[in-house]
Protein backbone atom coordinates (compact mmCIF):
# COMPACT_ATOMS: atom_id res chain seq x y z
CA MET A 1 25.58 -9.90 -13.03
CA SER A 2 27.72 -10.44 -16.06
CA PHE A 3 27.76 -8.30 -19.16
CA GLY A 4 28.27 -10.77 -21.96
CA GLY A 5 32.06 -10.66 -21.87
CA ASN A 6 32.42 -7.06 -23.04
CA ALA A 7 34.05 -4.15 -21.27
CA ALA A 8 30.79 -2.59 -20.04
CA SER A 9 31.34 -3.88 -16.51
CA ALA A 10 34.66 -2.01 -16.35
CA ASP A 11 33.00 1.23 -17.47
CA PRO A 12 33.46 3.86 -14.74
CA ARG A 13 29.81 4.86 -15.13
CA VAL A 14 28.74 1.29 -14.36
CA VAL A 15 31.07 1.17 -11.37
CA GLY A 16 29.54 4.42 -10.13
CA LEU A 17 26.01 3.09 -10.60
CA ARG A 18 26.87 -0.06 -8.69
CA GLN A 19 28.41 1.92 -5.83
CA GLU A 20 25.34 4.14 -5.62
CA PHE A 21 23.15 1.02 -5.67
CA GLN A 22 25.12 -0.61 -2.87
CA GLN A 23 25.04 2.53 -0.73
CA GLY A 24 21.32 2.96 -1.33
CA MET A 25 20.62 -0.66 -0.47
CA THR A 26 22.65 -0.38 2.73
CA ARG A 27 20.65 2.67 3.80
CA PHE A 28 17.41 0.93 2.84
CA PHE A 29 18.24 -2.26 4.78
CA MET A 30 19.19 -0.29 7.87
CA GLY A 31 16.02 1.78 7.73
CA PHE A 32 13.87 -1.24 7.03
CA ALA A 33 15.39 -3.25 9.87
CA VAL A 34 14.92 -0.41 12.36
CA THR A 35 11.34 0.21 11.26
CA GLU A 36 10.37 -3.46 11.23
CA GLY A 37 12.02 -3.96 14.62
CA ILE A 38 10.10 -1.06 16.14
CA VAL A 39 6.79 -2.26 14.70
CA LEU A 40 7.34 -5.84 15.89
CA ALA A 41 8.51 -4.67 19.33
CA ALA A 42 5.44 -2.44 19.67
CA ALA A 43 3.20 -5.37 18.71
CA VAL A 44 4.88 -7.60 21.30
CA VAL A 45 4.47 -4.95 23.99
CA VAL A 46 0.81 -4.37 23.14
CA ILE A 47 0.02 -8.10 22.98
CA TRP A 48 2.10 -9.72 25.71
CA VAL A 49 3.09 -6.91 28.09
CA LEU A 50 0.03 -4.65 28.15
CA ARG A 51 -2.36 -7.51 27.29
CA LEU A 52 -4.55 -5.24 25.16
CA ILE A 53 -4.97 -8.04 22.62
CA ASP A 54 -5.50 -11.70 23.40
CA PRO A 55 -2.18 -13.53 22.86
CA SER A 56 -3.87 -16.28 20.84
CA VAL A 57 -4.93 -13.60 18.33
CA GLY A 58 -1.72 -11.63 18.79
CA VAL A 59 0.36 -14.42 17.30
CA TYR A 60 -1.49 -13.93 14.01
CA ILE A 61 -0.98 -10.19 14.20
CA VAL A 62 2.78 -10.60 14.64
CA LEU A 63 2.83 -13.17 11.82
CA GLY A 64 0.88 -10.76 9.59
CA ILE A 65 3.30 -7.93 10.33
CA ALA A 66 6.25 -10.19 9.48
CA LEU A 67 4.62 -11.40 6.24
CA VAL A 68 3.74 -7.89 5.08
CA GLY A 69 7.24 -6.70 5.93
CA GLY A 70 8.86 -9.60 4.09
CA PHE A 71 6.69 -9.12 1.02
CA SER A 72 7.37 -5.38 0.89
CA LEU A 73 11.10 -6.10 1.31
CA PHE A 74 10.98 -8.54 -1.61
CA LEU A 75 9.13 -6.09 -3.87
CA THR A 76 11.46 -3.22 -3.03
CA ILE A 77 14.59 -5.27 -3.70
CA GLN A 78 13.21 -6.48 -7.03
CA SER A 79 12.27 -2.95 -8.03
CA ARG A 80 15.70 -1.57 -7.16
CA ILE A 81 17.49 -4.35 -9.05
CA ARG A 82 15.35 -3.71 -12.14
CA ARG A 83 16.10 0.01 -11.84
CA LEU A 84 19.86 -0.69 -11.62
CA GLN A 85 19.69 -2.94 -14.68
CA ARG A 86 17.72 -0.30 -16.60
CA ASP A 87 20.22 2.41 -15.61
CA ILE A 88 23.16 0.24 -16.71
CA ARG A 89 21.43 -0.48 -20.01
CA ASP A 90 20.74 3.24 -20.52
CA VAL A 91 24.35 4.20 -19.77
CA THR A 92 26.12 1.46 -21.73
CA GLY A 93 23.60 0.12 -24.20
CA VAL A 94 24.36 -3.38 -22.91
CA VAL A 95 21.63 -5.49 -21.35
CA PRO A 96 22.94 -7.08 -18.11
CA SER A 97 22.36 -10.82 -17.86
CA GLU A 98 21.65 -12.75 -14.66
């Protein structure tokens, strides 16, 4: 993100917002990865180890879990980026550009 060449990016409040954003995203990614890993591992165990679901159908279940997880990841990242941009705009009065 650039801020149109002004000093808003050097503003300590913006630096603080960015640090909070980075820390929050790190926590989110770790939590998401652990949760998604557990869900996918449970699906694999149920489908291929315990054979409670036919493996030919199980492939679509695993694919569905991965697609839902990826889509929710995308939406969450977009939402958090918009929130960061809104917070920067509220603090500095400068609209961040891409």
